[in-house]
Amino acid sequence: VAVSRSKDVPPFGPPIPKGVTFPKSAVFRDFLLAKVINGENAAHKSEKFRAMATRTRQEYLKDLAENFVSTTTVDSAVKFSFITLGAKKKERVKPRKDAHLHSVGAVTWSVVARDFGQSADVECLLGISNEFIVLIEEESKNVIFNCSCRDVIGWSSGVMSIKIFYERGECVMFSAHDNCGEDIREIVQRLE
C-alpha cells in the first residue's frame, strides 16, 4: 500500500505501518476505507482543489443565470386555477389513523436515553425518519447518537423501554418520558 498526495494537501491518517503485509480481511478493508475517506477530506482542504471547486460552482451558477432564467411572472392572485379545469371540488378525505407514523420525514418523541459510559440518564429527542435514527440531547441540542435505518438489525421493547440493536450488535437503550407507554408502541410501529 502506498499513498501519494499533492504538496498542498495536508497529511492524513491512518498511518501506513512500516513493513506490514495486509492479509485480505475486514481489518484491511476498514483501513483502506478510512485512508481513502480521510484523503478525500484532506484534498478538500487544499487550496488548489478548493479553487477548482469554487470555479466549477461559479460556472454552474453562471450557466443557470444565462440559460435558465425566465422573465415570466407568476400571478399570485390566481393560485393554480388551471388545475381544477372546472371540475367539482373534492371533499376532504379523513386522514388515515396514525398517518404520521408513515411519514417520510422524522417523527420525534421525548425519551430518556441511558448513557452507559457516564452511568447517567440523558433527556433526549428521538427522531426516526425513513433513513435515519437520531438522538438529540435536549439541553445542549447536540446529536448524541445517529445511525442509518439500514444498520438497524433489530430491537426489543418492554412496556416502558426499548433497546435498538445496530451495525455489529451495538445497542442504544432509552425509555419513554413521563411513563408514557403509548410512545414506546408508536416507536416500535415506526421502526416496523
N, C-alpha and C. Protein backbone atom coordinates (compact mmCIF):
# COMPACT_ATOMS: atom_id res chain seq x y z
N VAL A 1 0.86 -1.17 0.00
CA VAL A 1 0.00 0.00 0.00
C VAL A 1 0.90 1.23 0.00
N ALA A 2 0.61 2.16 -0.91
CA ALA A 2 1.36 3.40 -0.98
C ALA A 2 0.39 4.53 -1.25
N VAL A 3 0.71 5.71 -0.76
CA VAL A 3 -0.15 6.86 -0.94
C VAL A 3 0.68 8.02 -1.47
N SER A 4 0.16 8.70 -2.48
CA SER A 4 0.82 9.93 -2.94
C SER A 4 -0.20 11.04 -2.85
N ARG A 5 0.29 12.25 -2.62
CA ARG A 5 -0.59 13.40 -2.49
C ARG A 5 0.12 14.62 -3.06
N SER A 6 -0.65 15.60 -3.46
CA SER A 6 -0.10 16.86 -3.93
C SER A 6 0.53 17.60 -2.75
N LYS A 7 1.48 18.48 -3.04
CA LYS A 7 2.21 19.19 -1.98
C LYS A 7 1.30 19.97 -1.05
N ASP A 8 0.23 20.57 -1.61
CA ASP A 8 -0.61 21.42 -0.76
C ASP A 8 -1.74 20.66 -0.06
N VAL A 9 -1.80 19.34 -0.23
CA VAL A 9 -2.77 18.53 0.51
C VAL A 9 -2.15 18.14 1.84
N PRO A 10 -2.81 18.47 2.96
CA PRO A 10 -2.22 18.15 4.26
C PRO A 10 -2.13 16.63 4.47
N PRO A 11 -1.16 16.17 5.27
CA PRO A 11 -1.06 14.73 5.56
C PRO A 11 -2.33 14.23 6.24
N PHE A 12 -2.63 12.96 6.04
CA PHE A 12 -3.85 12.38 6.62
C PHE A 12 -3.58 10.95 7.06
N GLY A 13 -4.33 10.49 8.02
CA GLY A 13 -4.17 9.14 8.57
C GLY A 13 -5.20 8.20 8.02
N PRO A 14 -5.22 7.01 8.48
CA PRO A 14 -4.31 6.40 9.45
C PRO A 14 -2.96 6.13 8.81
N PRO A 15 -1.89 6.20 9.61
CA PRO A 15 -0.55 5.99 9.05
C PRO A 15 -0.38 4.56 8.55
N ILE A 16 0.45 4.39 7.53
CA ILE A 16 0.73 3.07 6.99
C ILE A 16 1.89 2.49 7.78
N PRO A 17 1.67 1.37 8.46
CA PRO A 17 2.76 0.77 9.25
C PRO A 17 3.89 0.30 8.33
N LYS A 18 5.13 0.44 8.82
CA LYS A 18 6.29 0.03 8.01
C LYS A 18 6.41 -1.49 8.02
N GLY A 19 6.66 -2.06 6.86
CA GLY A 19 6.94 -3.48 6.72
C GLY A 19 5.78 -4.40 7.03
N VAL A 20 4.56 -3.92 6.92
CA VAL A 20 3.39 -4.75 7.23
C VAL A 20 2.82 -5.31 5.94
N THR A 21 2.47 -6.58 5.96
CA THR A 21 1.75 -7.21 4.86
C THR A 21 0.30 -7.36 5.31
N PHE A 22 -0.60 -6.79 4.53
CA PHE A 22 -2.01 -6.86 4.88
C PHE A 22 -2.64 -8.10 4.27
N PRO A 23 -3.21 -8.98 5.08
CA PRO A 23 -3.98 -10.09 4.51
C PRO A 23 -5.37 -9.59 4.11
N LYS A 24 -6.01 -10.32 3.24
CA LYS A 24 -7.37 -9.95 2.84
C LYS A 24 -8.27 -10.18 4.04
N SER A 25 -8.81 -9.07 4.60
CA SER A 25 -9.63 -9.19 5.79
C SER A 25 -10.48 -7.94 5.96
N ALA A 26 -11.40 -7.99 6.92
CA ALA A 26 -12.24 -6.84 7.24
C ALA A 26 -11.40 -5.70 7.82
N VAL A 27 -10.35 -6.04 8.55
CA VAL A 27 -9.46 -5.03 9.13
C VAL A 27 -8.78 -4.23 8.01
N PHE A 28 -8.30 -4.93 6.98
CA PHE A 28 -7.65 -4.26 5.86
C PHE A 28 -8.66 -3.39 5.10
N ARG A 29 -9.87 -3.92 4.91
CA ARG A 29 -10.93 -3.18 4.22
C ARG A 29 -11.23 -1.89 4.99
N ASP A 30 -11.40 -1.97 6.30
CA ASP A 30 -11.68 -0.80 7.12
C ASP A 30 -10.53 0.20 7.06
N PHE A 31 -9.29 -0.30 7.07
CA PHE A 31 -8.11 0.56 6.98
C PHE A 31 -8.12 1.33 5.66
N LEU A 32 -8.36 0.62 4.54
CA LEU A 32 -8.38 1.28 3.23
C LEU A 32 -9.49 2.31 3.12
N LEU A 33 -10.68 1.96 3.61
CA LEU A 33 -11.79 2.91 3.55
C LEU A 33 -11.48 4.17 4.36
N ALA A 34 -10.93 3.99 5.56
CA ALA A 34 -10.57 5.15 6.38
C ALA A 34 -9.52 6.01 5.68
N LYS A 35 -8.53 5.37 5.06
CA LYS A 35 -7.46 6.10 4.38
C LYS A 35 -8.03 6.89 3.19
N VAL A 36 -8.89 6.26 2.41
CA VAL A 36 -9.47 6.92 1.23
C VAL A 36 -10.37 8.08 1.64
N ILE A 37 -11.22 7.89 2.64
CA ILE A 37 -12.12 8.95 3.08
C ILE A 37 -11.33 10.12 3.66
N ASN A 38 -10.34 9.81 4.49
CA ASN A 38 -9.51 10.88 5.05
C ASN A 38 -8.74 11.61 3.96
N GLY A 39 -8.29 10.87 2.93
CA GLY A 39 -7.59 11.50 1.81
C GLY A 39 -8.49 12.46 1.05
N GLU A 40 -9.73 12.06 0.83
CA GLU A 40 -10.67 12.94 0.14
C GLU A 40 -10.93 14.20 0.97
N ASN A 41 -11.14 14.02 2.27
CA ASN A 41 -11.37 15.18 3.15
C ASN A 41 -10.16 16.11 3.17
N ALA A 42 -8.97 15.55 3.20
CA ALA A 42 -7.75 16.37 3.17
C ALA A 42 -7.63 17.12 1.85
N ALA A 43 -7.99 16.48 0.76
CA ALA A 43 -7.91 17.14 -0.56
C ALA A 43 -8.84 18.35 -0.62
N HIS A 44 -10.01 18.24 0.01
CA HIS A 44 -10.94 19.37 0.01
C HIS A 44 -10.38 20.57 0.76
N LYS A 45 -9.43 20.34 1.67
CA LYS A 45 -8.81 21.44 2.42
C LYS A 45 -7.69 22.10 1.63
N SER A 46 -7.26 21.48 0.57
CA SER A 46 -6.18 22.00 -0.26
C SER A 46 -6.65 23.23 -1.03
N GLU A 47 -5.78 24.24 -1.12
CA GLU A 47 -6.13 25.47 -1.83
C GLU A 47 -6.40 25.21 -3.31
N LYS A 48 -5.63 24.32 -3.92
CA LYS A 48 -5.80 24.01 -5.35
C LYS A 48 -7.18 23.41 -5.61
N PHE A 49 -7.56 22.42 -4.80
CA PHE A 49 -8.86 21.78 -5.00
C PHE A 49 -10.00 22.72 -4.63
N ARG A 50 -9.79 23.54 -3.60
CA ARG A 50 -10.83 24.50 -3.20
C ARG A 50 -11.08 25.49 -4.33
N ALA A 51 -10.01 25.97 -4.97
CA ALA A 51 -10.15 26.92 -6.08
C ALA A 51 -10.87 26.27 -7.26
N MET A 52 -10.53 25.01 -7.54
CA MET A 52 -11.20 24.30 -8.65
C MET A 52 -12.69 24.12 -8.34
N ALA A 53 -13.03 23.77 -7.11
CA ALA A 53 -14.44 23.57 -6.74
C ALA A 53 -15.20 24.89 -6.82
N THR A 54 -14.57 25.98 -6.36
CA THR A 54 -15.21 27.30 -6.43
C THR A 54 -15.44 27.71 -7.88
N ARG A 55 -14.45 27.50 -8.71
CA ARG A 55 -14.58 27.85 -10.13
C ARG A 55 -15.70 27.04 -10.78
N THR A 56 -15.80 25.76 -10.46
CA THR A 56 -16.86 24.90 -11.02
C THR A 56 -18.23 25.39 -10.59
N ARG A 57 -18.39 25.70 -9.28
CA ARG A 57 -19.68 26.22 -8.79
C ARG A 57 -20.04 27.52 -9.48
N GLN A 58 -19.05 28.42 -9.68
CA GLN A 58 -19.31 29.68 -10.35
C GLN A 58 -19.77 29.47 -11.78
N GLU A 59 -19.17 28.52 -12.47
CA GLU A 59 -19.56 28.22 -13.85
C GLU A 59 -20.99 27.67 -13.91
N TYR A 60 -21.33 26.79 -12.95
CA TYR A 60 -22.70 26.26 -12.89
C TYR A 60 -23.72 27.38 -12.66
N LEU A 61 -23.40 28.28 -11.70
CA LEU A 61 -24.30 29.40 -11.42
C LEU A 61 -24.43 30.33 -12.62
N LYS A 62 -23.31 30.58 -13.29
CA LYS A 62 -23.32 31.44 -14.48
C LYS A 62 -24.19 30.81 -15.57
N ASP A 63 -24.05 29.50 -15.76
CA ASP A 63 -24.85 28.78 -16.76
C ASP A 63 -26.34 28.86 -16.41
N LEU A 64 -26.67 28.68 -15.12
CA LEU A 64 -28.08 28.79 -14.70
C LEU A 64 -28.62 30.18 -14.97
N ALA A 65 -27.84 31.21 -14.61
CA ALA A 65 -28.28 32.59 -14.78
C ALA A 65 -28.45 32.96 -16.25
N GLU A 66 -27.58 32.46 -17.12
CA GLU A 66 -27.64 32.82 -18.52
C GLU A 66 -28.66 32.01 -19.31
N ASN A 67 -28.85 30.74 -18.96
CA ASN A 67 -29.66 29.87 -19.81
C ASN A 67 -30.99 29.44 -19.23
N PHE A 68 -31.22 29.66 -17.94
CA PHE A 68 -32.43 29.11 -17.34
C PHE A 68 -33.24 30.14 -16.54
N VAL A 69 -33.03 31.42 -16.77
CA VAL A 69 -33.80 32.45 -16.09
C VAL A 69 -34.96 32.83 -16.99
N SER A 70 -36.14 32.92 -16.39
CA SER A 70 -37.34 33.27 -17.14
C SER A 70 -37.79 34.66 -16.75
N THR A 71 -38.37 35.37 -17.69
CA THR A 71 -38.91 36.70 -17.40
C THR A 71 -40.40 36.62 -17.11
N THR A 72 -40.98 35.43 -17.19
CA THR A 72 -42.40 35.23 -16.92
C THR A 72 -42.66 35.41 -15.44
N THR A 73 -43.71 36.19 -15.13
CA THR A 73 -44.06 36.37 -13.72
C THR A 73 -45.22 35.45 -13.36
N VAL A 74 -45.30 35.12 -12.10
CA VAL A 74 -46.38 34.27 -11.61
C VAL A 74 -47.40 35.17 -10.95
N ASP A 75 -48.66 35.07 -11.40
CA ASP A 75 -49.73 35.86 -10.82
C ASP A 75 -50.20 35.16 -9.56
N SER A 76 -49.90 35.75 -8.41
CA SER A 76 -50.25 35.10 -7.14
C SER A 76 -51.72 35.23 -6.80
N ALA A 77 -52.47 36.10 -7.51
CA ALA A 77 -53.89 36.25 -7.22
C ALA A 77 -54.67 35.02 -7.65
N VAL A 78 -54.28 34.42 -8.76
CA VAL A 78 -54.96 33.22 -9.25
C VAL A 78 -54.04 32.05 -8.94
N LYS A 79 -54.35 31.34 -7.88
CA LYS A 79 -53.47 30.25 -7.44
C LYS A 79 -53.80 28.97 -8.19
N PHE A 80 -53.10 28.73 -9.26
CA PHE A 80 -53.16 27.48 -9.98
C PHE A 80 -54.59 27.09 -10.36
N SER A 81 -55.34 28.02 -10.88
CA SER A 81 -56.72 27.74 -11.26
C SER A 81 -56.79 26.74 -12.41
N PHE A 82 -55.73 26.60 -13.17
CA PHE A 82 -55.72 25.68 -14.31
C PHE A 82 -55.80 24.22 -13.87
N ILE A 83 -55.51 23.94 -12.62
CA ILE A 83 -55.52 22.55 -12.15
C ILE A 83 -56.93 22.01 -12.04
N THR A 84 -57.90 22.84 -11.63
CA THR A 84 -59.25 22.34 -11.40
C THR A 84 -59.96 22.02 -12.71
N LEU A 85 -59.72 22.80 -13.76
CA LEU A 85 -60.34 22.60 -15.07
C LEU A 85 -61.86 22.52 -14.96
N GLY A 86 -62.42 23.29 -14.04
CA GLY A 86 -63.87 23.35 -13.91
C GLY A 86 -64.49 22.17 -13.20
N ALA A 87 -63.71 21.24 -12.71
CA ALA A 87 -64.25 20.07 -12.03
C ALA A 87 -64.73 20.46 -10.65
N LYS A 88 -65.57 19.59 -10.09
CA LYS A 88 -66.06 19.81 -8.74
C LYS A 88 -64.92 19.68 -7.75
N LYS A 89 -65.00 20.43 -6.68
CA LYS A 89 -64.00 20.29 -5.62
C LYS A 89 -64.26 18.99 -4.89
N LYS A 90 -63.18 18.27 -4.62
CA LYS A 90 -63.31 17.03 -3.87
C LYS A 90 -63.47 17.35 -2.41
N GLU A 91 -64.26 16.52 -1.74
CA GLU A 91 -64.39 16.70 -0.30
C GLU A 91 -63.12 16.22 0.36
N ARG A 92 -62.81 16.84 1.48
CA ARG A 92 -61.61 16.47 2.22
C ARG A 92 -61.74 15.05 2.74
N VAL A 93 -60.72 14.25 2.47
CA VAL A 93 -60.72 12.87 2.93
C VAL A 93 -60.20 12.84 4.36
N LYS A 94 -60.85 12.03 5.19
CA LYS A 94 -60.41 11.91 6.58
C LYS A 94 -59.04 11.24 6.59
N PRO A 95 -58.06 11.82 7.32
CA PRO A 95 -56.71 11.22 7.32
C PRO A 95 -56.70 9.83 7.94
N ARG A 96 -55.82 9.01 7.43
CA ARG A 96 -55.67 7.65 7.92
C ARG A 96 -55.17 7.68 9.37
N LYS A 97 -55.67 6.77 10.18
CA LYS A 97 -55.24 6.69 11.58
C LYS A 97 -53.74 6.43 11.63
N ASP A 98 -53.04 7.15 12.48
CA ASP A 98 -51.59 7.05 12.66
C ASP A 98 -50.81 7.32 11.37
N ALA A 99 -51.34 8.19 10.52
CA ALA A 99 -50.67 8.51 9.25
C ALA A 99 -49.29 9.12 9.48
N HIS A 100 -49.12 9.85 10.59
CA HIS A 100 -47.83 10.48 10.88
C HIS A 100 -46.73 9.45 11.05
N LEU A 101 -47.08 8.22 11.43
CA LEU A 101 -46.07 7.19 11.63
C LEU A 101 -45.51 6.65 10.31
N HIS A 102 -46.16 6.97 9.21
CA HIS A 102 -45.71 6.52 7.89
C HIS A 102 -45.10 7.66 7.10
N SER A 103 -44.84 8.78 7.76
CA SER A 103 -44.28 9.97 7.14
C SER A 103 -42.85 9.71 6.67
N VAL A 104 -42.47 10.36 5.57
CA VAL A 104 -41.10 10.26 5.06
C VAL A 104 -40.14 11.01 5.99
N GLY A 105 -40.58 12.13 6.55
CA GLY A 105 -39.75 12.90 7.46
C GLY A 105 -39.62 12.22 8.81
N ALA A 106 -38.85 12.83 9.68
CA ALA A 106 -38.64 12.25 11.01
C ALA A 106 -39.84 12.51 11.90
N VAL A 107 -40.20 11.48 12.66
CA VAL A 107 -41.19 11.60 13.71
C VAL A 107 -40.41 11.61 15.01
N THR A 108 -40.76 12.49 15.95
CA THR A 108 -39.95 12.64 17.16
C THR A 108 -40.75 12.32 18.42
N TRP A 109 -40.01 11.86 19.42
CA TRP A 109 -40.56 11.59 20.74
C TRP A 109 -39.56 12.09 21.78
N SER A 110 -40.07 12.48 22.93
CA SER A 110 -39.23 12.85 24.05
C SER A 110 -38.94 11.57 24.83
N VAL A 111 -37.65 11.23 25.00
CA VAL A 111 -37.26 9.99 25.67
C VAL A 111 -36.13 10.28 26.66
N VAL A 112 -35.83 9.28 27.48
CA VAL A 112 -34.69 9.34 28.38
C VAL A 112 -33.73 8.24 27.94
N ALA A 113 -32.55 8.63 27.43
CA ALA A 113 -31.56 7.67 26.94
C ALA A 113 -30.60 7.33 28.07
N ARG A 114 -30.12 6.10 28.05
CA ARG A 114 -29.16 5.65 29.06
C ARG A 114 -27.76 5.79 28.51
N ASP A 115 -26.92 6.60 29.16
CA ASP A 115 -25.52 6.76 28.80
C ASP A 115 -24.72 5.82 29.68
N PHE A 116 -24.34 4.67 29.13
CA PHE A 116 -23.63 3.66 29.91
C PHE A 116 -22.21 4.11 30.27
N GLY A 117 -21.61 4.94 29.43
CA GLY A 117 -20.26 5.43 29.70
C GLY A 117 -20.21 6.31 30.95
N GLN A 118 -21.25 7.10 31.15
CA GLN A 118 -21.31 8.02 32.29
C GLN A 118 -22.21 7.49 33.40
N SER A 119 -22.87 6.34 33.16
CA SER A 119 -23.85 5.79 34.11
C SER A 119 -24.89 6.84 34.48
N ALA A 120 -25.45 7.46 33.47
CA ALA A 120 -26.42 8.53 33.71
C ALA A 120 -27.53 8.45 32.67
N ASP A 121 -28.67 9.06 33.01
CA ASP A 121 -29.78 9.17 32.08
C ASP A 121 -29.75 10.56 31.45
N VAL A 122 -30.05 10.63 30.15
CA VAL A 122 -29.99 11.89 29.41
C VAL A 122 -31.33 12.12 28.74
N GLU A 123 -31.94 13.29 28.99
CA GLU A 123 -33.20 13.62 28.34
C GLU A 123 -32.91 13.99 26.89
N CYS A 124 -33.61 13.31 25.97
CA CYS A 124 -33.32 13.47 24.54
C CYS A 124 -34.61 13.55 23.73
N LEU A 125 -34.43 13.99 22.50
CA LEU A 125 -35.46 13.84 21.48
C LEU A 125 -35.01 12.71 20.57
N LEU A 126 -35.88 11.73 20.36
CA LEU A 126 -35.61 10.63 19.44
C LEU A 126 -36.32 10.95 18.14
N GLY A 127 -35.58 10.95 17.05
CA GLY A 127 -36.17 11.16 15.73
C GLY A 127 -35.94 9.95 14.87
N ILE A 128 -37.00 9.47 14.22
CA ILE A 128 -36.89 8.33 13.30
C ILE A 128 -37.51 8.73 11.98
N SER A 129 -36.66 8.78 10.93
CA SER A 129 -37.16 9.03 9.58
C SER A 129 -37.08 7.73 8.80
N ASN A 130 -37.35 7.80 7.51
CA ASN A 130 -37.22 6.59 6.67
C ASN A 130 -35.76 6.19 6.51
N GLU A 131 -34.83 7.12 6.77
CA GLU A 131 -33.42 6.84 6.53
C GLU A 131 -32.56 6.81 7.78
N PHE A 132 -32.90 7.58 8.82
CA PHE A 132 -32.03 7.72 9.97
C PHE A 132 -32.77 7.63 11.29
N ILE A 133 -32.01 7.22 12.31
CA ILE A 133 -32.45 7.30 13.69
C ILE A 133 -31.47 8.22 14.39
N VAL A 134 -31.98 9.19 15.15
CA VAL A 134 -31.11 10.16 15.80
C VAL A 134 -31.60 10.45 17.21
N LEU A 135 -30.65 10.62 18.13
CA LEU A 135 -30.95 11.07 19.49
C LEU A 135 -30.27 12.43 19.68
N ILE A 136 -31.06 13.43 20.08
CA ILE A 136 -30.54 14.78 20.28
C ILE A 136 -30.75 15.14 21.75
N GLU A 137 -29.65 15.47 22.43
CA GLU A 137 -29.76 15.86 23.83
C GLU A 137 -30.54 17.16 23.92
N GLU A 138 -31.60 17.16 24.72
CA GLU A 138 -32.48 18.33 24.79
C GLU A 138 -31.76 19.56 25.33
N GLU A 139 -30.93 19.40 26.35
CA GLU A 139 -30.28 20.55 26.99
C GLU A 139 -29.27 21.22 26.06
N SER A 140 -28.36 20.44 25.47
CA SER A 140 -27.29 21.02 24.65
C SER A 140 -27.63 21.10 23.16
N LYS A 141 -28.69 20.42 22.75
CA LYS A 141 -29.09 20.34 21.33
C LYS A 141 -28.05 19.61 20.47
N ASN A 142 -27.17 18.83 21.10
CA ASN A 142 -26.16 18.07 20.37
C ASN A 142 -26.69 16.70 19.99
N VAL A 143 -26.28 16.22 18.82
CA VAL A 143 -26.61 14.86 18.42
C VAL A 143 -25.70 13.93 19.21
N ILE A 144 -26.32 13.04 19.98
CA ILE A 144 -25.50 12.13 20.77
C ILE A 144 -25.49 10.72 20.19
N PHE A 145 -26.39 10.44 19.23
CA PHE A 145 -26.40 9.14 18.56
C PHE A 145 -27.11 9.31 17.23
N ASN A 146 -26.57 8.67 16.21
CA ASN A 146 -27.30 8.55 14.95
C ASN A 146 -26.83 7.32 14.21
N CYS A 147 -27.73 6.73 13.46
CA CYS A 147 -27.36 5.61 12.59
C CYS A 147 -28.37 5.53 11.46
N SER A 148 -27.98 4.89 10.41
CA SER A 148 -28.85 4.67 9.27
C SER A 148 -29.85 3.57 9.63
N CYS A 149 -31.07 3.69 9.16
CA CYS A 149 -32.08 2.65 9.40
C CYS A 149 -31.64 1.32 8.80
N ARG A 150 -30.81 1.37 7.75
CA ARG A 150 -30.31 0.13 7.14
C ARG A 150 -29.43 -0.64 8.13
N ASP A 151 -28.81 0.08 9.07
CA ASP A 151 -27.90 -0.55 10.03
C ASP A 151 -28.63 -1.17 11.21
N VAL A 152 -29.93 -0.91 11.36
CA VAL A 152 -30.68 -1.48 12.47
C VAL A 152 -30.89 -2.96 12.20
N ILE A 153 -30.47 -3.79 13.17
CA ILE A 153 -30.62 -5.24 12.99
C ILE A 153 -31.76 -5.80 13.84
N GLY A 154 -32.33 -4.98 14.71
CA GLY A 154 -33.47 -5.41 15.49
C GLY A 154 -33.66 -4.55 16.72
N TRP A 155 -34.69 -4.87 17.49
CA TRP A 155 -34.97 -4.15 18.72
C TRP A 155 -35.74 -5.06 19.65
N SER A 156 -35.70 -4.72 20.91
CA SER A 156 -36.54 -5.40 21.90
C SER A 156 -37.18 -4.32 22.74
N SER A 157 -38.45 -4.51 23.05
CA SER A 157 -39.15 -3.47 23.79
C SER A 157 -39.90 -4.07 24.95
N GLY A 158 -39.96 -3.29 26.02
CA GLY A 158 -40.79 -3.61 27.16
C GLY A 158 -41.95 -2.64 27.18
N VAL A 159 -42.62 -2.54 28.30
CA VAL A 159 -43.75 -1.64 28.40
C VAL A 159 -43.29 -0.18 28.36
N MET A 160 -42.14 0.09 29.01
CA MET A 160 -41.70 1.48 29.13
C MET A 160 -40.33 1.75 28.51
N SER A 161 -39.66 0.76 27.94
CA SER A 161 -38.33 1.00 27.39
C SER A 161 -38.12 0.18 26.12
N ILE A 162 -37.07 0.55 25.40
CA ILE A 162 -36.75 -0.13 24.15
C ILE A 162 -35.23 -0.13 23.96
N LYS A 163 -34.72 -1.21 23.40
CA LYS A 163 -33.31 -1.31 23.01
C LYS A 163 -33.29 -1.47 21.49
N ILE A 164 -32.45 -0.67 20.82
CA ILE A 164 -32.28 -0.80 19.37
C ILE A 164 -30.87 -1.34 19.13
N PHE A 165 -30.79 -2.45 18.40
CA PHE A 165 -29.51 -3.06 18.08
C PHE A 165 -29.15 -2.66 16.65
N TYR A 166 -27.89 -2.25 16.44
CA TYR A 166 -27.47 -1.76 15.14
C TYR A 166 -26.06 -2.22 14.82
N GLU A 167 -25.71 -2.07 13.54
CA GLU A 167 -24.41 -2.44 12.99
C GLU A 167 -23.99 -3.84 13.41
N ARG A 168 -22.97 -3.99 14.24
CA ARG A 168 -22.46 -5.31 14.60
C ARG A 168 -22.93 -5.76 15.97
N GLY A 169 -24.11 -5.34 16.36
CA GLY A 169 -24.68 -5.76 17.63
C GLY A 169 -24.59 -4.72 18.72
N GLU A 170 -24.10 -3.50 18.41
CA GLU A 170 -24.11 -2.44 19.40
C GLU A 170 -25.56 -2.12 19.75
N CYS A 171 -25.76 -1.46 20.88
CA CYS A 171 -27.11 -1.25 21.37
C CYS A 171 -27.27 0.15 21.95
N VAL A 172 -28.41 0.76 21.70
CA VAL A 172 -28.78 2.02 22.34
C VAL A 172 -30.10 1.75 23.07
N MET A 173 -30.20 2.25 24.31
CA MET A 173 -31.37 1.97 25.13
C MET A 173 -31.99 3.28 25.62
N PHE A 174 -33.32 3.36 25.57
CA PHE A 174 -34.00 4.53 26.08
C PHE A 174 -35.37 4.13 26.58
N SER A 175 -35.95 5.00 27.39
CA SER A 175 -37.28 4.74 27.94
C SER A 175 -38.19 5.92 27.64
N ALA A 176 -39.48 5.65 27.76
CA ALA A 176 -40.47 6.69 27.49
C ALA A 176 -40.38 7.76 28.56
N HIS A 177 -40.59 9.00 28.14
CA HIS A 177 -40.58 10.13 29.06
C HIS A 177 -41.92 10.15 29.81
N ASP A 178 -41.88 10.45 31.08
CA ASP A 178 -43.08 10.58 31.91
C ASP A 178 -43.98 9.35 31.88
N ASN A 179 -43.35 8.16 31.85
CA ASN A 179 -44.09 6.89 31.90
C ASN A 179 -45.20 6.81 30.85
N CYS A 180 -44.91 7.21 29.64
CA CYS A 180 -45.89 7.19 28.55
C CYS A 180 -45.63 5.97 27.67
N GLY A 181 -46.27 4.85 28.02
CA GLY A 181 -46.10 3.60 27.28
C GLY A 181 -46.58 3.68 25.84
N GLU A 182 -47.52 4.60 25.56
CA GLU A 182 -48.02 4.77 24.19
C GLU A 182 -46.89 5.19 23.26
N ASP A 183 -45.93 5.99 23.76
CA ASP A 183 -44.79 6.40 22.96
C ASP A 183 -43.98 5.19 22.51
N ILE A 184 -43.76 4.22 23.40
CA ILE A 184 -42.99 3.03 23.05
C ILE A 184 -43.71 2.26 21.95
N ARG A 185 -45.03 2.14 22.05
CA ARG A 185 -45.79 1.45 21.00
C ARG A 185 -45.66 2.18 19.66
N GLU A 186 -45.69 3.51 19.68
CA GLU A 186 -45.54 4.28 18.45
C GLU A 186 -44.14 4.14 17.87
N ILE A 187 -43.13 4.14 18.74
CA ILE A 187 -41.74 3.99 18.28
C ILE A 187 -41.56 2.65 17.60
N VAL A 188 -42.09 1.59 18.22
CA VAL A 188 -42.00 0.24 17.63
C VAL A 188 -42.71 0.20 16.29
N GLN A 189 -43.88 0.83 16.22
CA GLN A 189 -44.64 0.87 14.96
C GLN A 189 -43.84 1.60 13.89
N ARG A 190 -43.18 2.69 14.26
CA ARG A 190 -42.36 3.45 13.30
C ARG A 190 -41.16 2.62 12.85
N LEU A 191 -40.52 1.91 13.78
CA LEU A 191 -39.40 1.05 13.42
C LEU A 191 -39.83 -0.05 12.44
N GLU A 192 -40.99 -0.59 12.68
CA GLU A 192 -41.50 -1.64 11.77
C GLU A 192 -41.68 -1.12 10.37
